[in-house]
Protein backbone atom coordinates (compact mmCIF):
# COMPACT_ATOMS: atom_id res chain seq x y z
CA MET A 1 -17.16 11.71 9.91
CA LYS A 2 -18.26 11.33 6.46
CA LEU A 3 -17.49 8.37 4.27
CA TRP A 4 -20.28 8.25 1.65
CA ASP A 5 -19.77 10.83 -0.94
CA HIS A 6 -22.05 10.07 -3.78
CA PRO A 7 -24.20 7.24 -5.27
CA MET A 8 -23.40 3.86 -6.20
CA SER A 9 -23.06 4.23 -10.38
CA GLU A 10 -22.86 1.06 -12.70
CA ASN A 11 -19.38 2.26 -13.39
CA ASP A 12 -18.19 2.15 -9.69
CA PHE A 13 -20.02 -1.22 -9.02
CA ARG A 14 -17.83 -2.28 -11.94
CA GLN A 15 -14.69 -1.15 -10.60
CA CYS A 16 -15.50 -2.95 -7.08
CA LEU A 17 -15.75 -6.22 -9.09
CA ARG A 18 -12.88 -5.70 -10.74
CA ILE A 19 -10.87 -4.97 -7.44
CA ALA A 20 -12.26 -7.89 -5.57
CA THR A 21 -11.96 -10.69 -8.77
CA GLY A 22 -8.23 -9.15 -9.45
CA ALA A 23 -6.89 -9.52 -5.91
CA THR A 24 -8.39 -12.81 -5.63
CA ILE A 25 -6.67 -14.00 -8.92
CA GLY A 26 -3.56 -12.54 -7.73
CA PHE A 27 -3.77 -14.85 -4.34
CA THR A 28 -4.84 -17.64 -5.78
CA LEU A 29 -2.09 -17.92 -8.76
CA CYS A 30 0.64 -17.24 -5.83
CA LYS A 31 -0.93 -20.28 -3.28
CA VAL A 32 -1.52 -22.78 -6.35
CA PHE A 33 1.99 -22.06 -7.38
CA GLY A 34 3.69 -21.80 -4.40
CA TRP A 35 5.09 -18.18 -4.61
CA ASN A 36 6.88 -16.63 -1.69
CA TYR A 37 5.64 -13.26 -0.49
CA GLY A 38 1.87 -13.72 -1.19
CA VAL A 39 1.11 -10.14 -0.12
CA PHE A 40 2.75 -8.98 -2.91
CA PHE A 41 0.29 -11.05 -5.26
CA THR A 42 -2.62 -9.89 -3.28
CA VAL A 43 -2.15 -6.10 -2.17
CA THR A 44 -0.62 -4.93 -5.57
CA PRO A 45 -3.59 -5.65 -7.73
CA MET A 46 -5.86 -3.95 -4.93
CA LEU A 47 -3.34 -0.98 -4.92
CA LEU A 48 -3.66 -1.13 -8.90
CA LEU A 49 -7.36 -1.19 -9.23
CA GLY A 50 -7.88 0.71 -6.47
CA MET A 51 -6.29 3.87 -7.31
CA VAL A 52 -6.62 3.27 -10.97
CA PRO A 53 -10.33 3.34 -12.31
CA VAL A 54 -9.65 2.61 -15.53
CA MET A 55 -6.60 0.64 -16.46
CA SER A 56 -4.14 2.52 -18.69
CA LEU A 57 -0.73 2.21 -20.49
CA HIS A 58 0.71 4.77 -18.31
CA ALA A 59 -0.42 3.09 -15.18
CA ALA A 60 1.20 -0.20 -16.40
CA ARG A 61 4.45 1.64 -17.13
CA GLN A 62 4.41 3.30 -13.62
CA LEU A 63 4.02 -0.19 -11.65
CA ILE A 64 6.29 -2.18 -13.66
CA PHE A 65 9.38 0.60 -13.86
CA SER A 66 8.96 1.24 -10.07
CA ALA A 67 9.33 -2.88 -9.32
CA VAL A 68 12.45 -2.75 -11.68
CA VAL A 69 13.72 0.43 -10.00
CA CYS A 70 13.27 -1.04 -6.55
CA GLY A 71 14.68 -4.11 -7.65
CA LEU A 72 17.95 -2.32 -8.67
CA GLU A 73 18.19 -0.16 -5.72
CA VAL A 74 17.98 -3.04 -3.32
CA GLY A 75 20.06 -5.25 -5.00
CA ILE A 76 22.81 -2.91 -5.47
CA LEU A 77 22.89 -0.58 -3.04
CA GLY A 78 21.11 -2.77 -0.68
CA GLY A 79 24.18 -5.14 -1.38
CA LEU A 80 27.00 -2.73 -1.20
CA PHE A 81 25.98 -0.68 2.06
CA GLY A 82 23.92 -3.20 3.79
CA GLY A 83 26.43 -3.76 6.39
CA HIS A 84 27.00 -0.17 7.34
CA PRO A 85 23.84 1.58 8.90
CA GLY A 86 24.61 5.29 9.01
CA MET A 87 25.32 4.89 5.20
CA MET A 88 22.10 2.70 4.38
CA THR A 89 19.98 5.24 6.21
CA ILE A 90 21.04 8.49 4.15
CA ILE A 91 20.70 6.14 1.02
CA ALA A 92 17.61 5.10 1.87
CA PHE A 93 16.12 9.04 2.55
CA GLY A 94 17.55 9.93 -0.54
CA LEU A 95 15.47 7.43 -2.56
CA PHE A 96 12.48 8.09 -0.32
CA LEU A 97 12.93 11.63 -1.14
CA TYR A 98 12.75 11.46 -4.95
CA LYS A 99 10.00 8.97 -4.63
CA PHE A 100 7.51 11.41 -2.73
CA ALA A 101 9.01 14.03 -5.06
CA CYS A 102 7.33 11.87 -7.91
CA MET A 103 4.33 11.51 -5.98
CA SER A 104 4.05 15.28 -5.25
CA LYS A 105 3.91 15.88 -9.00
CA GLY A 106 1.00 14.24 -9.30
CA SER A 107 1.59 12.68 -12.92
CA LEU A 108 3.69 10.02 -11.50
CA PHE A 109 2.13 9.42 -8.62
CA LEU A 110 1.20 5.64 -8.73
CA PHE A 111 5.04 5.06 -9.49
CA GLY A 112 6.22 7.32 -6.72
CA ALA A 113 3.62 5.04 -4.21
CA ASN A 114 4.43 1.55 -5.19
CA SER A 115 7.92 2.37 -5.02
CA VAL A 116 7.54 3.56 -1.75
CA LEU A 117 5.64 1.09 -0.41
CA SER A 118 7.97 -1.46 -1.93
CA LEU A 119 11.32 -0.25 -1.22
CA SER A 120 10.73 0.12 2.49
CA ILE A 121 9.63 -3.52 2.51
CA MET A 122 12.41 -4.86 0.76
CA LEU A 123 14.92 -2.63 2.49
CA HIS A 124 13.67 -4.06 5.71
CA PHE A 125 13.51 -8.07 4.81
CA ALA A 126 16.74 -7.87 2.83
CA SER A 127 18.63 -7.06 6.01
CA TYR A 128 18.21 -10.25 7.35
CA PRO A 129 20.76 -13.15 6.54
CA THR A 130 17.90 -15.63 6.27
CA THR A 131 16.16 -13.39 3.31
CA ASP A 132 16.91 -14.90 -0.32
CA LEU A 133 17.57 -11.67 -1.76
CA ASN A 134 17.26 -12.90 -5.44
CA ASP A 135 13.45 -14.30 -4.40
CA LEU A 136 12.53 -11.17 -2.87
CA ILE A 137 13.71 -9.16 -5.77
CA PHE A 138 12.05 -11.21 -8.39
CA SER A 139 8.87 -12.04 -6.36
CA ASN A 140 8.01 -8.31 -6.35
CA LEU A 141 8.75 -7.82 -9.82
CA GLN A 142 6.56 -10.68 -11.13
CA ALA A 143 3.79 -9.55 -8.49
CA ASN A 144 3.88 -6.21 -10.44
CA VAL A 145 3.95 -7.75 -13.81
CA ILE A 146 1.13 -10.24 -13.16
CA SER A 147 -0.97 -7.57 -11.39
CA VAL A 148 -0.73 -5.18 -14.61
CA ILE A 149 -1.92 -8.41 -16.84
CA VAL A 150 -4.59 -9.05 -14.01
CA ALA A 151 -5.48 -5.74 -14.49
CA TYR A 152 -6.07 -5.96 -18.01
CA VAL A 153 -7.71 -9.03 -18.07
CA VAL A 154 -10.38 -8.08 -15.51
CA THR A 155 -10.99 -4.67 -17.19
CA PHE A 156 -11.59 -6.79 -20.52
CA LEU A 157 -14.08 -9.22 -19.08
CA ILE A 158 -15.64 -6.13 -16.74
CA PRO A 159 -15.44 -3.13 -18.83
CA ASP A 160 -17.08 0.08 -17.63
CA ALA A 161 -20.82 0.50 -18.90
CA GLU A 162 -20.07 3.92 -20.26
CA PRO A 163 -17.31 6.70 -20.74
CA ARG A 164 -15.79 8.35 -17.60
CA GLN A 165 -15.26 11.62 -17.33
CA LEU A 166 -11.42 12.76 -16.80
CA PRO A 167 -10.71 14.43 -13.59
CA ALA A 168 -10.26 18.22 -14.31
CA LYS A 169 -7.05 19.66 -13.95
CA PRO A 170 -5.92 21.69 -11.03
CA SER A 171 -6.29 25.21 -12.25
CA GLN A 172 -2.89 26.28 -10.71
CA PRO A 173 -0.08 24.14 -10.26
CA LYS A 174 1.75 23.35 -6.83
CA GLN A 175 4.16 25.90 -5.60
CA SER A 176 7.84 24.78 -5.59
CA HIS A 177 7.90 25.25 -1.71
CA ARG A 178 4.55 23.04 -1.30
CA MET A 179 6.22 20.21 -3.33
CA ARG A 180 9.42 20.69 -1.27
CA HIS A 181 7.44 20.41 1.91
CA GLU A 182 5.79 17.19 0.33
CA ALA A 183 8.89 15.57 -0.46
CA LEU A 184 11.07 16.26 2.57
CA MET A 185 7.93 15.31 4.96
CA GLY A 186 7.34 12.21 3.28
CA ALA A 187 11.05 11.39 3.03
CA SER A 188 11.91 12.06 6.47
CA ILE A 189 8.91 9.52 7.72
CA ALA A 190 9.61 7.13 5.77
CA THR A 191 13.20 6.80 6.55
CA MET A 192 12.46 7.16 10.45
CA SER A 193 10.01 4.38 9.81
CA PHE A 194 12.91 2.61 8.15
CA LEU A 195 15.04 2.71 11.15
CA VAL A 196 12.88 1.99 13.80
CA PHE A 197 11.73 -1.28 12.19
CA GLN A 198 15.38 -2.12 11.69
CA LEU A 199 16.33 -1.21 15.60
CA PHE A 200 13.55 -2.84 16.96
CA ASP A 201 13.71 -5.88 14.66
CA LEU A 202 10.22 -5.96 13.67
CA SER A 203 10.13 -8.34 11.02
CA ASP A 204 6.37 -9.59 11.76
CA SER A 205 4.87 -6.31 11.43
CA MET A 206 4.64 -5.68 7.59
CA SER A 207 1.09 -4.33 8.12
CA ALA A 208 2.22 -1.52 10.97
CA GLN A 209 5.31 -0.67 8.76
CA ALA A 210 2.66 -0.45 5.49
CA THR A 211 0.57 1.81 7.77
CA THR A 212 3.54 4.49 8.32
CA LEU A 213 3.87 5.05 4.47
CA LEU A 214 0.47 4.95 4.13
CA LEU A 215 -0.40 7.50 5.92
CA LEU A 216 1.79 9.98 4.00
CA PHE A 217 -0.06 9.48 1.11
CA PRO A 218 -2.53 12.43 1.27
CA MET A 219 0.81 14.76 1.02
CA HIS A 220 0.25 16.99 3.92
CA TRP A 221 -0.52 17.09 7.96
CA ASN A 222 -4.42 18.06 7.51
CA GLY A 223 -4.72 14.63 5.09
CA ALA A 224 -2.64 12.28 7.11
CA LEU A 225 -4.87 13.21 10.24
CA GLY A 226 -7.90 12.92 8.41
CA TYR A 227 -6.92 9.61 6.85
CA ALA A 228 -5.55 8.25 10.17
CA ARG A 229 -8.81 8.23 11.16
CA LYS A 230 -10.31 6.31 8.80
CA ARG A 231 -7.17 3.91 8.53
CA ALA A 232 -7.56 2.83 12.28
CA MET A 233 -11.58 2.48 11.43
CA GLY A 234 -10.45 0.11 8.07
CA THR A 235 -8.11 -1.69 10.14
CA LEU A 236 -10.51 -2.77 12.79
CA MET A 237 -12.98 -3.69 10.05
CA GLY A 238 -10.44 -5.63 8.20
CA VAL A 239 -9.31 -7.61 11.04
CA THR A 240 -12.58 -8.27 12.05
CA PHE A 241 -13.72 -9.56 8.86
CA GLY A 242 -10.37 -12.01 9.11
CA ILE A 243 -11.05 -13.17 12.79
CA ALA A 244 -14.59 -13.98 11.48
CA GLY A 245 -13.10 -15.78 8.52
CA GLN A 246 -10.85 -17.90 10.65
CA LEU A 247 -13.89 -18.80 12.75
CA VAL A 248 -15.90 -19.72 9.58
CA LEU A 249 -13.02 -21.86 8.15
CA TYR A 250 -12.30 -23.30 11.53
CA ASP A 251 -10.10 -26.30 10.37
CA TRP A 252 -10.18 -26.11 6.76
CA SER A 253 -7.96 -22.90 6.87
CA ASP A 254 -5.77 -24.78 4.86
CA THR A 255 -8.37 -25.43 1.84
CA LEU A 256 -7.97 -23.09 -0.94
CA LEU A 257 -11.63 -23.87 -2.17
CA PHE A 258 -12.96 -22.20 0.77
CA ILE A 259 -10.62 -19.68 1.20
CA VAL A 260 -10.64 -18.09 -2.29
CA PRO A 261 -14.61 -17.27 -1.98
CA LEU A 262 -13.97 -15.93 1.45
CA LEU A 263 -11.32 -12.95 0.06
CA TRP A 264 -13.68 -12.47 -2.73
CA ILE A 265 -16.44 -11.66 -0.39
CA GLY A 266 -14.30 -9.62 2.03
CA ALA A 267 -12.73 -7.89 -1.02
CA MET A 268 -16.03 -6.82 -2.23
CA MET A 269 -17.06 -5.61 0.96
CA PHE A 270 -14.40 -3.31 1.32
CA SER A 271 -13.62 -2.11 -2.18
CA TYR A 272 -17.35 -1.39 -2.36
CA MET A 273 -16.72 1.02 0.60
CA HIS A 274 -13.42 2.53 -1.34
CA VAL A 275 -15.40 3.64 -4.01
CA LYS A 276 -18.37 4.85 -2.11
CA GLU A 277 -15.60 6.98 -0.44
CA SER A 278 -13.89 8.58 -3.53
CA SER A 279 -11.07 9.92 -1.41
CA GLY A 280 -8.28 7.60 -2.48
CA SER A 281 -7.28 6.10 0.50
CA GLY A 282 -9.79 5.72 3.53
CA ALA A 283 -11.51 3.27 5.62
CA GLY A 284 -12.54 0.92 2.62
CA PHE A 285 -8.87 1.06 1.44
CA GLY A 286 -7.72 0.47 4.83
CA GLY A 287 -9.69 -2.29 5.32
CA LEU A 288 -8.78 -3.66 1.95
CA THR A 289 -5.19 -3.44 2.41
CA THR A 290 -5.70 -5.27 5.67
CA LEU A 291 -6.98 -8.21 4.32
CA GLY A 292 -4.82 -8.40 1.62
CA ILE A 293 -2.04 -8.61 4.12
CA LEU A 294 -3.90 -11.17 6.43
CA PHE A 295 -4.69 -13.73 3.87
CA GLY A 296 -1.89 -13.09 1.52
CA GLN A 297 0.87 -13.30 4.29
CA TYR A 298 -0.39 -15.20 7.50
CA LEU A 299 -3.37 -17.44 6.42
CA THR A 300 -1.24 -20.53 5.90
CA PRO A 301 -1.96 -24.22 6.71
CA ASP A 302 0.45 -24.05 9.96
CA GLY A 303 -0.19 -20.20 10.83
CA ASP A 304 -2.90 -19.09 13.19
CA LEU A 305 -4.86 -15.95 11.46
CA MET A 306 -6.50 -15.26 14.74
CA PHE A 307 -3.03 -14.36 16.47
CA SER A 308 -1.78 -12.57 13.43
CA ALA A 309 -5.10 -10.50 13.35
CA LEU A 310 -4.87 -9.27 17.19
CA TYR A 311 -1.35 -8.77 16.35
CA ARG A 312 -2.09 -6.84 13.49
CA VAL A 313 -5.01 -4.45 15.56
CA SER A 314 -2.09 -3.64 18.33
CA SER A 315 0.61 -2.65 15.83
CA ILE A 316 -1.11 -0.82 13.76
CA LEU A 317 -3.16 1.77 16.10
CA PHE A 318 0.05 2.16 17.88
CA ALA A 319 1.86 2.92 14.48
CA ILE A 320 -0.96 5.27 13.41
CA VAL A 321 -0.48 7.34 16.96
CA VAL A 322 3.38 7.36 16.56
CA THR A 323 3.57 8.44 13.01
CA LEU A 324 0.49 11.14 13.51
CA LEU A 325 2.98 12.90 16.25
CA VAL A 326 6.17 12.74 14.12
CA THR A 327 4.26 13.96 10.93
CA TYR A 328 2.74 16.81 13.41
CA ALA A 329 6.61 17.53 14.53
CA VAL A 330 8.21 17.54 10.76
CA HIS A 331 5.19 19.41 9.52
CA ARG A 332 5.94 22.45 12.06
CA VAL A 333 9.53 22.23 11.69
CA LEU A 334 9.12 22.67 8.02
CA ASN A 335 6.49 25.32 8.25
CA SER A 336 9.05 27.60 9.83
CA PHE A 337 11.26 28.20 6.33
CA GLU A 338 9.83 29.90 3.23
CA ALA A 339 11.44 27.74 1.17
CA THR A 340 9.39 24.76 2.81
CA ARG A 341 6.45 26.08 3.91
CA PHE A 342 2.99 24.21 2.69
CA SER A 343 0.18 26.02 1.40
CA GLN A 344 -3.05 24.97 -0.56
CA GLN A 345 -1.25 26.27 -4.11
């Protein structure tokens, strides 16, 4: 499996610095001010700086707008129909459908990707009576706003060494049948994932839930299959680093002064892998998000990162296998119809 696609340039190295520094700043602010849902503040900067090499107003608008839209959807629709599972399932499918349609379109990929992740996690946790819905919604919104601010700050402090070449636009736009295939496949699997995590009450498997969605980011079966192998590799590396970090910290796992440098080192390592792969979502990005979830959500003074890390491995690997089987089945069904058939155009 080929991981390294090109030699590291000065711009690439600076992007690694921006990803690691941005994620560390978000994590530090969350812990210093005692904000809940640390995973939002740690992973969102990773997602933004990892997917957008150079921060732009278009990317900032997409990220903040996705947080506002998801907050309204969870607050209004979840509040009205949360007690009706059948109705909520139909609503969730419709919400996922238009978000994956935005991803398929291309120009709104960041909006759709961030919305899919946020909506799935927020809908799941909003269903528990112990969850403060307002705190959940505003924590997600706050994390997205802070991530945009942090992204601009690190871009200003660590700018590119030379102007980047804009990626070439595809010679032909996607055909409508391919876009329908991508949107329907993504919405179907995201809805099934939501149902499974609800039915089995898997409130402590955020990383596995995120994995089922990240596998869909390539937007087609072959891409999901290739990403699954890299995601599994990245997960194992991220968890290994988390366990090693727990052993190094030992009794000082509640000391922020020691945690922050460790997180930065890990994020820098996986950022380096991510940039070298130049594949959007690969082993490096998988390791990066796994590290962000472990540190942001499970590294607490009274928590055991060792148990959480081992649990993450088993749940993520199981989620990868099941998601791939379902993705292949949905892919074959959609390919049976001309109107939803996948092609390379």
